């Protein structure tokens, strides 16, 4: 009788053990596979868009540090009648932060003007992309923060000459005529009303360095940090 009881207890314990293990296995967190962007950038890696971009007229590099991507010297060129990129800089650049790559005008999501008098950042609200901002350090911005909507989904150049304009950059005016990013102004791109990416606009000069103090003219080479809200 005791032997039968002992055997039954052992079988019960083994059964409970297997059940417990099974439940523990079910609790193992499933890691979501990384989104396969058009341009993949590994953590710690820097890629050259001239070599890997899916568009023929895009230049710049992207470095990834954790979940933050650093786009440097971003520039696009016009396309000639032969369908090839020219050496003439385009007046408007297009970029897709989700795909880590430049775009063509037909795929417009976000654009950056590259004219001497205009550095407008614009989103395509027809496709559901809207623009807002917050005066808070990029690293500290969360999707739950309260953002200020950008008028007409546009942020451009503000200055003493245009006191009613709210932008991402300041124009210093005379005598230096410089374009400088507004400190700690983080830009938010939302998709269908949900915060999608946060962006830090850093610079418009090649290698983030002005070629001279007065009226620097080595632009437009956009420097941008961006991170997707998860």
C-alpha atoms as a PDB file:
ATOM      1  CA  UNK A   1       0.000   0.000   0.000  1.00  0.00           C
ATOM      2  CA  UNK A   2       2.802   2.391   0.960  1.00  0.00           C
ATOM      3  CA  UNK A   3       4.686   1.469  -2.221  1.00  0.00           C
ATOM      4  CA  UNK A   4       1.644   2.264  -4.363  1.00  0.00           C
ATOM      5  CA  UNK A   5       1.189   5.595  -2.556  1.00  0.00           C
ATOM      6  CA  UNK A   6       4.861   6.515  -3.036  1.00  0.00           C
ATOM      7  CA  UNK A   7       4.748   5.683  -6.742  1.00  0.00           C
ATOM      8  CA  UNK A   8       1.586   7.702  -7.226  1.00  0.00           C
ATOM      9  CA  UNK A   9       3.085  10.680  -5.403  1.00  0.00           C
ATOM     10  CA  UNK A  10       6.224  10.501  -7.541  1.00  0.00           C
ATOM     11  CA  UNK A  11       4.216  10.431 -10.754  1.00  0.00           C
ATOM     12  CA  UNK A  12       2.176  13.384  -9.538  1.00  0.00           C
ATOM     13  CA  UNK A  13       5.320  15.364  -8.709  1.00  0.00           C
ATOM     14  CA  UNK A  14       6.810  14.593 -12.110  1.00  0.00           C
ATOM     15  CA  UNK A  15       3.589  15.628 -13.777  1.00  0.00           C
ATOM     16  CA  UNK A  16       3.486  18.905 -11.874  1.00  0.00           C
ATOM     17  CA  UNK A  17       7.128  19.517 -12.711  1.00  0.00           C
ATOM     18  CA  UNK A  18       6.536  19.085 -16.422  1.00  0.00           C
ATOM     19  CA  UNK A  19       3.508  21.357 -16.249  1.00  0.00           C
ATOM     20  CA  UNK A  20       5.493  23.997 -14.403  1.00  0.00           C
ATOM     21  CA  UNK A  21       8.298  23.861 -16.969  1.00  0.00           C
ATOM     22  CA  UNK A  22       5.787  24.150 -19.757  1.00  0.00           C
ATOM     23  CA  UNK A  23       4.291  27.267 -18.179  1.00  0.00           C
ATOM     24  CA  UNK A  24       7.758  28.737 -17.667  1.00  0.00           C
ATOM     25  CA  UNK A  25       8.538  28.151 -21.331  1.00  0.00           C
ATOM     26  CA  UNK A  26       5.356  29.973 -22.289  1.00  0.00           C
ATOM     27  CA  UNK A  27       6.558  32.982 -20.295  1.00  0.00           C
ATOM     28  CA  UNK A  28       9.727  33.377 -22.378  1.00  0.00           C
ATOM     29  CA  UNK A  29       9.483  36.771 -24.069  1.00  0.00           C
ATOM     30  CA  UNK A  30       9.137  36.611 -27.800  1.00  0.00           C
ATOM     31  CA  UNK A  31      11.589  38.986 -29.496  1.00  0.00           C
ATOM     32  CA  UNK A  32       9.986  40.827 -32.395  1.00  0.00           C
ATOM     33  CA  UNK A  33      12.137  40.611 -35.530  1.00  0.00           C
ATOM     34  CA  UNK A  34      13.737  43.884 -36.577  1.00  0.00           C
ATOM     35  CA  UNK A  35      11.938  45.803 -39.308  1.00  0.00           C
ATOM     36  CA  UNK A  36      13.688  45.297 -42.629  1.00  0.00           C
ATOM     37  CA  UNK A  37      14.211  48.857 -43.835  1.00  0.00           C
ATOM     38  CA  UNK A  38      15.396  49.682 -47.339  1.00  0.00           C
ATOM     39  CA  UNK A  39      18.719  50.640 -45.783  1.00  0.00           C
ATOM     40  CA  UNK A  40      19.601  48.482 -42.794  1.00  0.00           C
ATOM     41  CA  UNK A  41      22.090  49.893 -40.295  1.00  0.00           C
ATOM     42  CA  UNK A  42      23.483  47.664 -37.543  1.00  0.00           C
ATOM     43  CA  UNK A  43      24.126  49.024 -34.080  1.00  0.00           C
ATOM     44  CA  UNK A  44      27.550  50.711 -34.130  1.00  0.00           C
ATOM     45  CA  UNK A  45      27.710  50.682 -37.938  1.00  0.00           C
ATOM     46  CA  UNK A  46      27.984  53.599 -40.373  1.00  0.00           C
ATOM     47  CA  UNK A  47      26.663  53.200 -43.921  1.00  0.00           C
ATOM     48  CA  UNK A  48      27.355  55.345 -46.985  1.00  0.00           C
ATOM     49  CA  UNK A  49      24.126  56.236 -48.773  1.00  0.00           C
ATOM     50  CA  UNK A  50      26.039  56.889 -51.979  1.00  0.00           C
ATOM     51  CA  UNK A  51      26.653  53.123 -52.089  1.00  0.00           C
ATOM     52  CA  UNK A  52      23.475  51.651 -50.584  1.00  0.00           C
ATOM     53  CA  UNK A  53      20.624  54.107 -51.207  1.00  0.00           C
ATOM     54  CA  UNK A  54      17.716  52.870 -53.319  1.00  0.00           C
ATOM     55  CA  UNK A  55      17.621  56.279 -54.997  1.00  0.00           C
ATOM     56  CA  UNK A  56      20.343  57.325 -57.416  1.00  0.00           C
ATOM     57  CA  UNK A  57      20.605  60.926 -56.271  1.00  0.00           C
ATOM     58  CA  UNK A  58      21.138  60.592 -52.510  1.00  0.00           C
ATOM     59  CA  UNK A  59      24.333  61.344 -50.611  1.00  0.00           C
ATOM     60  CA  UNK A  60      25.247  61.134 -46.920  1.00  0.00           C
ATOM     61  CA  UNK A  61      26.043  58.693 -44.142  1.00  0.00           C
ATOM     62  CA  UNK A  62      23.959  57.099 -41.385  1.00  0.00           C
ATOM     63  CA  UNK A  63      25.401  55.861 -38.102  1.00  0.00           C
ATOM     64  CA  UNK A  64      23.349  53.889 -35.612  1.00  0.00           C
ATOM     65  CA  UNK A  65      23.890  54.015 -31.858  1.00  0.00           C
ATOM     66  CA  UNK A  66      21.328  51.859 -30.088  1.00  0.00           C
ATOM     67  CA  UNK A  67      17.947  53.069 -31.360  1.00  0.00           C
ATOM     68  CA  UNK A  68      19.228  56.473 -32.481  1.00  0.00           C
ATOM     69  CA  UNK A  69      20.255  57.104 -36.081  1.00  0.00           C
ATOM     70  CA  UNK A  70      22.578  59.939 -37.082  1.00  0.00           C
ATOM     71  CA  UNK A  71      22.202  61.201 -40.643  1.00  0.00           C
ATOM     72  CA  UNK A  72      25.135  63.345 -41.739  1.00  0.00           C
ATOM     73  CA  UNK A  73      25.867  65.386 -44.862  1.00  0.00           C
ATOM     74  CA  UNK A  74      22.491  64.461 -46.332  1.00  0.00           C
ATOM     75  CA  UNK A  75      22.131  65.920 -49.787  1.00  0.00           C
ATOM     76  CA  UNK A  76      20.257  65.127 -52.984  1.00  0.00           C
ATOM     77  CA  UNK A  77      20.885  66.037 -56.593  1.00  0.00           C
ATOM     78  CA  UNK A  78      18.718  66.714 -59.599  1.00  0.00           C
ATOM     79  CA  UNK A  79      18.124  63.931 -62.107  1.00  0.00           C
ATOM     80  CA  UNK A  80      18.904  64.627 -65.764  1.00  0.00           C
ATOM     81  CA  UNK A  81      16.870  63.787 -68.842  1.00  0.00           C
ATOM     82  CA  UNK A  82      18.926  60.615 -69.181  1.00  0.00           C
ATOM     83  CA  UNK A  83      17.580  59.422 -65.829  1.00  0.00           C
ATOM     84  CA  UNK A  84      20.940  59.766 -64.090  1.00  0.00           C
ATOM     85  CA  UNK A  85      21.876  61.947 -61.147  1.00  0.00           C
ATOM     86  CA  UNK A  86      23.588  65.203 -61.996  1.00  0.00           C
ATOM     87  CA  UNK A  87      26.119  67.158 -59.935  1.00  0.00           C
ATOM     88  CA  UNK A  88      23.593  69.947 -59.411  1.00  0.00           C
ATOM     89  CA  UNK A  89      22.110  70.073 -55.919  1.00  0.00           C
ATOM     90  CA  UNK A  90      18.346  69.715 -55.737  1.00  0.00           C
ATOM     91  CA  UNK A  91      16.334  72.524 -54.170  1.00  0.00           C
ATOM     92  CA  UNK A  92      14.297  70.083 -52.123  1.00  0.00           C
ATOM     93  CA  UNK A  93      15.466  66.894 -50.421  1.00  0.00           C
ATOM     94  CA  UNK A  94      13.228  63.964 -49.452  1.00  0.00           C
ATOM     95  CA  UNK A  95      13.883  61.410 -46.715  1.00  0.00           C
ATOM     96  CA  UNK A  96      12.095  58.452 -45.129  1.00  0.00           C
ATOM     97  CA  UNK A  97      13.097  57.973 -41.484  1.00  0.00           C
ATOM     98  CA  UNK A  98      11.493  54.537 -41.314  1.00  0.00           C
ATOM     99  CA  UNK A  99      13.445  53.286 -44.344  1.00  0.00           C
ATOM    100  CA  UNK A 100      16.703  55.155 -43.543  1.00  0.00           C
ATOM    101  CA  UNK A 101      16.855  56.366 -47.111  1.00  0.00           C
ATOM    102  CA  UNK A 102      16.202  59.223 -49.478  1.00  0.00           C
ATOM    103  CA  UNK A 103      13.016  59.438 -51.505  1.00  0.00           C
ATOM    104  CA  UNK A 104      11.808  60.780 -54.802  1.00  0.00           C
ATOM    105  CA  UNK A 105       9.233  63.558 -54.908  1.00  0.00           C
ATOM    106  CA  UNK A 106       6.516  61.077 -55.899  1.00  0.00           C
ATOM    107  CA  UNK A 107       6.971  59.295 -52.543  1.00  0.00           C
ATOM    108  CA  UNK A 108       6.932  62.523 -50.534  1.00  0.00           C
ATOM    109  CA  UNK A 109       6.616  61.986 -46.780  1.00  0.00           C
ATOM    110  CA  UNK A 110       9.078  64.509 -45.340  1.00  0.00           C
ATOM    111  CA  UNK A 111      10.932  67.177 -47.290  1.00  0.00           C
ATOM    112  CA  UNK A 112      13.695  69.655 -46.536  1.00  0.00           C
ATOM    113  CA  UNK A 113      14.073  72.778 -48.614  1.00  0.00           C
ATOM    114  CA  UNK A 114      17.610  73.582 -49.634  1.00  0.00           C
ATOM    115  CA  UNK A 115      17.391  77.123 -50.938  1.00  0.00           C
ATOM    116  CA  UNK A 116      19.468  80.063 -49.783  1.00  0.00           C
ATOM    117  CA  UNK A 117      16.431  81.703 -48.200  1.00  0.00           C
ATOM    118  CA  UNK A 118      14.498  78.631 -47.106  1.00  0.00           C
ATOM    119  CA  UNK A 119      15.145  75.601 -44.893  1.00  0.00           C
ATOM    120  CA  UNK A 120      11.533  74.513 -44.459  1.00  0.00           C
ATOM    121  CA  UNK A 121      10.872  71.070 -43.039  1.00  0.00           C
ATOM    122  CA  UNK A 122       7.487  69.864 -44.285  1.00  0.00           C
ATOM    123  CA  UNK A 123       5.426  66.704 -43.821  1.00  0.00           C
ATOM    124  CA  UNK A 124       2.819  65.338 -46.208  1.00  0.00           C
ATOM    125  CA  UNK A 125      -0.483  65.487 -44.346  1.00  0.00           C
ATOM    126  CA  UNK A 126      -2.275  63.931 -47.328  1.00  0.00           C
ATOM    127  CA  UNK A 127      -0.478  60.711 -46.379  1.00  0.00           C
ATOM    128  CA  UNK A 128      -1.292  61.218 -42.718  1.00  0.00           C
ATOM    129  CA  UNK A 129       2.019  62.706 -41.565  1.00  0.00           C
ATOM    130  CA  UNK A 130       1.855  65.751 -39.311  1.00  0.00           C
ATOM    131  CA  UNK A 131       4.482  67.919 -37.675  1.00  0.00           C
ATOM    132  CA  UNK A 132       4.843  69.257 -34.136  1.00  0.00           C
ATOM    133  CA  UNK A 133       7.613  70.212 -31.749  1.00  0.00           C
ATOM    134  CA  UNK A 134       8.612  70.523 -28.115  1.00  0.00           C
ATOM    135  CA  UNK A 135      11.326  72.610 -26.477  1.00  0.00           C
ATOM    136  CA  UNK A 136      12.934  69.735 -24.639  1.00  0.00           C
ATOM    137  CA  UNK A 137      16.225  67.865 -25.066  1.00  0.00           C
ATOM    138  CA  UNK A 138      16.008  65.128 -27.703  1.00  0.00           C
ATOM    139  CA  UNK A 139      17.125  62.370 -25.310  1.00  0.00           C
ATOM    140  CA  UNK A 140      14.388  63.228 -22.800  1.00  0.00           C
ATOM    141  CA  UNK A 141      11.422  63.454 -25.169  1.00  0.00           C
ATOM    142  CA  UNK A 142       8.768  60.751 -24.803  1.00  0.00           C
ATOM    143  CA  UNK A 143       5.732  59.988 -26.934  1.00  0.00           C
ATOM    144  CA  UNK A 144       3.489  60.922 -24.000  1.00  0.00           C
ATOM    145  CA  UNK A 145       4.802  64.508 -23.854  1.00  0.00           C
ATOM    146  CA  UNK A 146       2.615  67.428 -24.882  1.00  0.00           C
ATOM    147  CA  UNK A 147       3.622  68.745 -28.298  1.00  0.00           C
ATOM    148  CA  UNK A 148       2.853  71.980 -30.117  1.00  0.00           C
ATOM    149  CA  UNK A 149       1.456  71.536 -33.622  1.00  0.00           C
ATOM    150  CA  UNK A 150       3.371  73.203 -36.427  1.00  0.00           C
ATOM    151  CA  UNK A 151       1.283  75.544 -38.534  1.00  0.00           C
ATOM    152  CA  UNK A 152       0.617  74.007 -41.968  1.00  0.00           C
ATOM    153  CA  UNK A 153       2.864  71.063 -41.002  1.00  0.00           C
ATOM    154  CA  UNK A 154       5.878  73.279 -41.604  1.00  0.00           C
ATOM    155  CA  UNK A 155       8.849  74.422 -39.532  1.00  0.00           C
ATOM    156  CA  UNK A 156      11.354  76.729 -41.158  1.00  0.00           C
ATOM    157  CA  UNK A 157      13.593  79.688 -40.522  1.00  0.00           C
ATOM    158  CA  UNK A 158      12.796  82.136 -37.754  1.00  0.00           C
ATOM    159  CA  UNK A 159      14.502  85.470 -37.227  1.00  0.00           C
ATOM    160  CA  UNK A 160      14.025  88.992 -35.984  1.00  0.00           C
ATOM    161  CA  UNK A 161      12.912  89.814 -39.537  1.00  0.00           C
ATOM    162  CA  UNK A 162      10.025  87.328 -39.232  1.00  0.00           C
ATOM    163  CA  UNK A 163       8.884  87.569 -35.592  1.00  0.00           C
ATOM    164  CA  UNK A 164       5.728  85.526 -36.157  1.00  0.00           C
ATOM    165  CA  UNK A 165       7.492  82.518 -37.661  1.00  0.00           C
ATOM    166  CA  UNK A 166       8.170  79.478 -35.501  1.00  0.00           C
ATOM    167  CA  UNK A 167      10.860  77.285 -36.981  1.00  0.00           C
ATOM    168  CA  UNK A 168      13.546  74.758 -36.251  1.00  0.00           C
ATOM    169  CA  UNK A 169      16.391  77.158 -37.158  1.00  0.00           C
ATOM    170  CA  UNK A 170      17.406  80.751 -36.457  1.00  0.00           C
ATOM    171  CA  UNK A 171      18.736  83.147 -39.064  1.00  0.00           C
ATOM    172  CA  UNK A 172      21.245  85.434 -37.354  1.00  0.00           C
ATOM    173  CA  UNK A 173      21.063  88.251 -39.919  1.00  0.00           C
ATOM    174  CA  UNK A 174      23.820  90.799 -40.293  1.00  0.00           C
ATOM    175  CA  UNK A 175      26.754  90.650 -40.161  1.00  0.00           C
ATOM    176  CA  UNK A 176      27.266  86.859 -40.037  1.00  0.00           C
ATOM    177  CA  UNK A 177      24.225  85.581 -41.967  1.00  0.00           C
ATOM    178  CA  UNK A 178      24.299  82.162 -40.326  1.00  0.00           C
ATOM    179  CA  UNK A 179      21.640  79.460 -40.020  1.00  0.00           C
ATOM    180  CA  UNK A 180      21.683  77.828 -36.576  1.00  0.00           C
ATOM    181  CA  UNK A 181      19.427  75.122 -35.163  1.00  0.00           C
ATOM    182  CA  UNK A 182      17.208  76.195 -32.262  1.00  0.00           C
ATOM    183  CA  UNK A 183      18.755  74.646 -29.152  1.00  0.00           C
ATOM    184  CA  UNK A 184      16.790  71.797 -27.531  1.00  0.00           C
ATOM    185  CA  UNK A 185      13.896  72.021 -29.956  1.00  0.00           C
ATOM    186  CA  UNK A 186      12.855  68.473 -30.765  1.00  0.00           C
ATOM    187  CA  UNK A 187      10.666  67.899 -33.798  1.00  0.00           C
ATOM    188  CA  UNK A 188       7.941  65.268 -33.797  1.00  0.00           C
ATOM    189  CA  UNK A 189       6.611  63.501 -36.863  1.00  0.00           C
ATOM    190  CA  UNK A 190       3.283  61.795 -36.240  1.00  0.00           C
ATOM    191  CA  UNK A 191       1.483  59.302 -38.429  1.00  0.00           C
ATOM    192  CA  UNK A 192      -2.316  59.245 -38.320  1.00  0.00           C
ATOM    193  CA  UNK A 193      -2.158  61.288 -35.115  1.00  0.00           C
ATOM    194  CA  UNK A 194       0.259  58.957 -33.283  1.00  0.00           C
ATOM    195  CA  UNK A 195       3.836  60.138 -32.497  1.00  0.00           C
ATOM    196  CA  UNK A 196       6.067  58.237 -34.928  1.00  0.00           C
ATOM    197  CA  UNK A 197       9.567  59.745 -34.853  1.00  0.00           C
ATOM    198  CA  UNK A 198      11.417  62.361 -32.857  1.00  0.00           C
ATOM    199  CA  UNK A 199      14.035  64.396 -34.699  1.00  0.00           C
ATOM    200  CA  UNK A 200      16.881  66.681 -33.781  1.00  0.00           C
ATOM    201  CA  UNK A 201      17.962  69.054 -36.525  1.00  0.00           C
ATOM    202  CA  UNK A 202      21.632  69.821 -35.939  1.00  0.00           C
ATOM    203  CA  UNK A 203      23.187  71.679 -38.828  1.00  0.00           C
ATOM    204  CA  UNK A 204      23.002  72.643 -42.507  1.00  0.00           C
ATOM    205  CA  UNK A 205      26.735  73.000 -43.196  1.00  0.00           C
ATOM    206  CA  UNK A 206      29.057  70.395 -44.682  1.00  0.00           C
ATOM    207  CA  UNK A 207      30.608  68.242 -41.959  1.00  0.00           C
ATOM    208  CA  UNK A 208      28.670  70.410 -39.485  1.00  0.00           C
ATOM    209  CA  UNK A 209      31.304  73.137 -39.815  1.00  0.00           C
ATOM    210  CA  UNK A 210      30.928  76.567 -41.411  1.00  0.00           C
ATOM    211  CA  UNK A 211      33.585  77.334 -43.994  1.00  0.00           C
ATOM    212  CA  UNK A 212      33.773  80.891 -42.716  1.00  0.00           C
ATOM    213  CA  UNK A 213      32.275  82.957 -39.921  1.00  0.00           C
ATOM    214  CA  UNK A 214      30.685  85.625 -42.099  1.00  0.00           C
ATOM    215  CA  UNK A 215      28.154  84.423 -44.679  1.00  0.00           C
ATOM    216  CA  UNK A 216      29.194  80.744 -44.743  1.00  0.00           C
ATOM    217  CA  UNK A 217      28.124  79.123 -48.005  1.00  0.00           C
ATOM    218  CA  UNK A 218      29.001  75.431 -47.685  1.00  0.00           C
ATOM    219  CA  UNK A 219      25.346  74.379 -47.414  1.00  0.00           C
ATOM    220  CA  UNK A 220      23.024  72.434 -47.684  1.00  0.00           C
ATOM    221  CA  UNK A 221      24.287  69.270 -46.027  1.00  0.00           C
ATOM    222  CA  UNK A 222      21.693  68.316 -43.432  1.00  0.00           C
ATOM    223  CA  UNK A 223      22.734  66.791 -40.110  1.00  0.00           C
ATOM    224  CA  UNK A 224      19.834  65.064 -38.364  1.00  0.00           C
ATOM    225  CA  UNK A 225      19.428  62.644 -35.454  1.00  0.00           C
ATOM    226  CA  UNK A 226      16.253  60.581 -35.323  1.00  0.00           C
ATOM    227  CA  UNK A 227      14.619  57.832 -33.301  1.00  0.00           C
ATOM    228  CA  UNK A 228      11.364  55.949 -33.692  1.00  0.00           C
ATOM    229  CA  UNK A 229       8.920  55.931 -30.810  1.00  0.00           C
ATOM    230  CA  UNK A 230       8.267  52.358 -29.679  1.00  0.00           C
END
